[in-house]
N, C-alpha and C. Protein backbone atom coordinates (compact mmCIF):
# COMPACT_ATOMS: atom_id res chain seq x y z
N MET A 1 9.02 0.82 10.18
CA MET A 1 8.29 -0.22 9.53
C MET A 1 8.71 -0.44 8.15
N ASN A 2 8.77 -1.67 7.74
CA ASN A 2 9.16 -1.99 6.46
C ASN A 2 8.12 -2.82 5.72
N PHE A 3 8.25 -3.24 4.47
CA PHE A 3 7.20 -3.91 3.79
C PHE A 3 6.72 -5.22 4.57
N ASN A 4 7.74 -6.02 5.10
CA ASN A 4 7.31 -7.19 5.83
C ASN A 4 6.52 -6.87 7.03
N ASP A 5 6.88 -5.91 7.87
CA ASP A 5 6.17 -5.38 9.03
C ASP A 5 4.70 -4.93 8.71
N LEU A 6 4.67 -4.21 7.54
CA LEU A 6 3.37 -3.66 6.93
C LEU A 6 2.53 -4.92 6.72
N LYS A 7 2.96 -5.81 6.02
CA LYS A 7 2.19 -7.03 5.60
C LYS A 7 1.63 -7.66 6.88
N THR A 8 2.57 -8.03 7.83
CA THR A 8 2.21 -8.65 9.01
C THR A 8 1.03 -7.91 9.82
N LYS A 9 1.22 -6.56 9.86
CA LYS A 9 0.19 -5.69 10.54
C LYS A 9 -1.13 -5.64 9.67
N LEU A 10 -1.01 -5.68 8.32
CA LEU A 10 -2.27 -5.61 7.62
C LEU A 10 -3.00 -7.03 7.80
N ASP A 11 -2.30 -8.10 7.77
CA ASP A 11 -2.78 -9.47 8.08
C ASP A 11 -3.51 -9.59 9.34
N SER A 12 -2.82 -9.01 10.39
CA SER A 12 -3.44 -8.97 11.78
C SER A 12 -4.71 -8.20 11.95
N ILE A 13 -5.01 -7.30 11.15
CA ILE A 13 -6.31 -6.51 11.17
C ILE A 13 -7.31 -6.97 10.25
N GLY A 14 -6.91 -7.94 9.38
CA GLY A 14 -7.97 -8.60 8.48
C GLY A 14 -8.02 -8.11 7.13
N VAL A 15 -7.00 -7.28 6.65
CA VAL A 15 -7.05 -6.63 5.28
C VAL A 15 -6.85 -7.87 4.32
N ASN A 16 -7.71 -7.90 3.27
CA ASN A 16 -7.65 -8.81 2.23
C ASN A 16 -6.51 -8.44 1.33
N GLU A 17 -5.61 -9.46 1.13
CA GLU A 17 -4.33 -9.19 0.44
C GLU A 17 -4.44 -8.92 -1.05
N GLN A 18 -5.66 -9.23 -1.58
CA GLN A 18 -6.18 -8.93 -2.95
C GLN A 18 -6.32 -7.49 -3.12
N THR A 19 -6.39 -6.70 -2.18
CA THR A 19 -6.64 -5.14 -2.17
C THR A 19 -5.50 -4.35 -2.21
N TYR A 20 -4.21 -4.98 -2.04
CA TYR A 20 -3.07 -4.22 -2.00
C TYR A 20 -1.92 -4.76 -2.63
N CYS A 21 -0.92 -4.12 -2.94
CA CYS A 21 0.29 -4.73 -3.56
C CYS A 21 1.56 -3.98 -2.97
N LEU A 22 2.44 -4.77 -2.55
CA LEU A 22 3.77 -4.21 -2.04
C LEU A 22 4.96 -4.57 -2.99
N GLY A 23 5.26 -3.63 -3.82
CA GLY A 23 6.47 -3.81 -4.66
C GLY A 23 6.45 -4.85 -5.71
N GLY A 24 5.32 -5.42 -6.11
CA GLY A 24 5.41 -6.39 -7.12
C GLY A 24 4.49 -5.98 -8.33
N ASP A 25 3.73 -7.12 -8.82
CA ASP A 25 2.90 -6.80 -9.93
C ASP A 25 1.58 -6.19 -9.44
N PHE A 26 1.38 -5.04 -9.94
CA PHE A 26 0.12 -4.32 -9.52
C PHE A 26 -1.03 -4.59 -10.34
N GLY A 27 -2.10 -4.81 -9.73
CA GLY A 27 -3.41 -5.16 -10.36
C GLY A 27 -4.27 -3.94 -10.43
N ASP A 28 -5.52 -4.13 -10.79
CA ASP A 28 -6.45 -2.92 -10.92
C ASP A 28 -7.28 -2.91 -9.68
N GLU A 29 -7.52 -1.71 -9.18
CA GLU A 29 -8.29 -1.46 -7.94
C GLU A 29 -7.55 -1.94 -6.74
N GLN A 30 -6.27 -1.52 -6.62
CA GLN A 30 -5.44 -2.00 -5.49
C GLN A 30 -4.68 -0.70 -4.92
N TYR A 31 -4.48 -0.81 -3.59
CA TYR A 31 -3.57 0.09 -3.01
C TYR A 31 -2.21 -0.33 -3.28
N CYS A 32 -1.23 0.55 -3.69
CA CYS A 32 0.11 0.07 -4.19
C CYS A 32 1.24 0.86 -3.45
N LEU A 33 2.27 0.10 -3.14
CA LEU A 33 3.47 0.80 -2.70
C LEU A 33 4.59 0.12 -3.33
N GLU A 34 5.57 0.99 -3.90
CA GLU A 34 6.56 0.41 -4.63
C GLU A 34 7.89 1.42 -4.34
N LYS A 35 9.02 0.89 -4.54
CA LYS A 35 10.23 1.60 -4.46
C LYS A 35 10.79 2.05 -5.78
N ILE A 36 10.96 3.30 -5.89
CA ILE A 36 11.44 3.86 -7.25
C ILE A 36 12.56 4.82 -6.96
N ASN A 37 13.76 4.33 -7.41
CA ASN A 37 14.92 5.16 -7.31
C ASN A 37 15.14 5.88 -5.94
N HIS A 38 15.29 5.00 -4.86
CA HIS A 38 15.58 5.44 -3.68
C HIS A 38 14.38 6.17 -2.89
N ARG A 39 13.25 6.19 -3.58
CA ARG A 39 12.00 6.78 -2.86
C ARG A 39 10.92 5.76 -3.03
N TRP A 40 9.89 5.94 -2.23
CA TRP A 40 8.68 5.09 -2.13
C TRP A 40 7.50 5.80 -2.61
N ARG A 41 6.70 5.15 -3.50
CA ARG A 41 5.65 5.68 -4.09
C ARG A 41 4.31 4.88 -3.62
N TYR A 42 3.41 5.61 -3.09
CA TYR A 42 2.11 5.08 -2.77
C TYR A 42 1.07 5.70 -3.73
N TYR A 43 0.04 4.78 -4.11
CA TYR A 43 -0.98 5.27 -5.00
C TYR A 43 -2.05 4.15 -4.93
N TYR A 44 -3.31 4.69 -5.39
CA TYR A 44 -4.28 3.68 -5.60
C TYR A 44 -4.51 3.40 -7.07
N SER A 45 -4.51 2.15 -7.56
CA SER A 45 -4.43 1.89 -8.98
C SER A 45 -5.84 1.59 -9.38
N GLU A 46 -6.33 2.34 -10.32
CA GLU A 46 -7.78 2.08 -10.90
C GLU A 46 -7.78 2.40 -12.30
N ARG A 47 -8.15 1.25 -13.11
CA ARG A 47 -8.18 1.51 -14.53
C ARG A 47 -6.96 2.00 -15.23
N GLY A 48 -5.81 1.48 -14.70
CA GLY A 48 -4.54 1.94 -15.36
C GLY A 48 -4.13 3.47 -14.87
N GLN A 49 -4.84 3.98 -13.99
CA GLN A 49 -4.56 5.28 -13.49
C GLN A 49 -3.92 5.29 -12.06
N LYS A 50 -3.09 6.03 -11.68
CA LYS A 50 -2.58 6.14 -10.33
C LYS A 50 -3.11 7.42 -9.67
N MET A 51 -4.03 7.06 -8.71
CA MET A 51 -4.92 8.01 -7.97
C MET A 51 -4.23 8.28 -6.58
N GLY A 52 -4.22 9.55 -6.22
CA GLY A 52 -3.63 9.96 -4.83
C GLY A 52 -2.18 9.60 -4.57
N GLU A 53 -1.48 9.76 -5.67
CA GLU A 53 0.02 9.32 -5.57
C GLU A 53 0.75 10.23 -4.57
N ARG A 54 1.57 9.65 -3.69
CA ARG A 54 2.30 10.34 -2.79
C ARG A 54 3.83 9.69 -2.82
N LEU A 55 4.75 10.51 -2.70
CA LEU A 55 6.23 10.06 -2.68
C LEU A 55 6.77 10.27 -1.31
N PHE A 56 7.59 9.35 -0.93
CA PHE A 56 8.14 9.31 0.52
C PHE A 56 9.72 9.08 0.33
N ASP A 57 10.43 9.71 1.20
CA ASP A 57 11.86 9.62 1.16
C ASP A 57 12.37 8.37 1.93
N ASN A 58 11.50 7.81 2.67
CA ASN A 58 11.96 6.53 3.46
C ASN A 58 10.75 5.54 3.65
N GLU A 59 11.19 4.24 3.61
CA GLU A 59 10.22 3.08 3.62
C GLU A 59 9.24 3.28 4.80
N SER A 60 9.74 3.50 6.01
CA SER A 60 8.96 3.60 7.18
C SER A 60 7.78 4.52 6.99
N ASP A 61 8.06 5.70 6.59
CA ASP A 61 6.98 6.73 6.38
C ASP A 61 5.98 6.17 5.35
N ALA A 62 6.45 5.71 4.32
CA ALA A 62 5.45 5.29 3.34
C ALA A 62 4.66 4.06 3.75
N CYS A 63 5.20 3.10 4.54
CA CYS A 63 4.46 1.93 5.13
C CYS A 63 3.43 2.55 6.18
N GLU A 64 3.86 3.40 7.06
CA GLU A 64 2.96 4.01 7.98
C GLU A 64 1.74 4.68 7.35
N TYR A 65 2.05 5.45 6.33
CA TYR A 65 1.05 6.09 5.51
C TYR A 65 -0.05 5.18 4.93
N MET A 66 0.52 4.06 4.23
CA MET A 66 -0.34 3.10 3.63
C MET A 66 -1.11 2.27 4.72
N TYR A 67 -0.55 2.04 5.87
CA TYR A 67 -1.34 1.24 6.95
C TYR A 67 -2.44 2.26 7.38
N SER A 68 -2.11 3.40 7.57
CA SER A 68 -3.18 4.36 8.13
C SER A 68 -4.38 4.49 7.13
N ILE A 69 -4.15 4.27 5.85
CA ILE A 69 -5.20 4.38 4.85
C ILE A 69 -5.93 3.12 4.83
N LEU A 70 -5.36 2.04 4.82
CA LEU A 70 -5.93 0.67 4.80
C LEU A 70 -6.73 0.28 6.16
N GLU A 71 -6.15 0.68 7.24
CA GLU A 71 -6.82 0.45 8.45
C GLU A 71 -8.21 1.11 8.60
N ASN A 72 -8.32 2.14 7.87
CA ASN A 72 -9.51 3.05 8.04
C ASN A 72 -10.48 2.89 6.77
N ASP A 73 -10.21 1.82 5.89
CA ASP A 73 -11.07 1.48 4.73
C ASP A 73 -11.84 0.20 4.93
N PRO A 74 -13.03 0.27 5.42
CA PRO A 74 -13.83 -0.98 5.70
C PRO A 74 -13.97 -1.92 4.44
N THR A 75 -13.78 -1.34 3.22
CA THR A 75 -13.92 -2.14 1.97
C THR A 75 -12.86 -3.18 1.75
N VAL A 76 -11.82 -3.05 2.42
CA VAL A 76 -10.58 -3.91 2.23
C VAL A 76 -10.50 -5.00 3.22
N MET A 77 -11.40 -4.95 4.24
CA MET A 77 -11.44 -6.13 5.13
C MET A 77 -12.23 -7.27 4.77
N PHE A 78 -11.79 -8.50 5.29
CA PHE A 78 -12.49 -9.71 5.06
C PHE A 78 -13.72 -9.61 5.60
């Protein structure tokens, strides 16, 4: 899975796109996934802090992890 696949899957299950960010401008109170020096970093952004940070060696594992988090969080659904 890549960023595009992840976005498609999140859209299909009704995840509000204001609740996450994929590799761009990160806001507050968002699940975030970004590429940093050949690795992918997942975290939850809250008040300028990076909570629950995890690093992945490949994009697919990072996307699968983020999907599993978001699909189980009812607060991100429309």
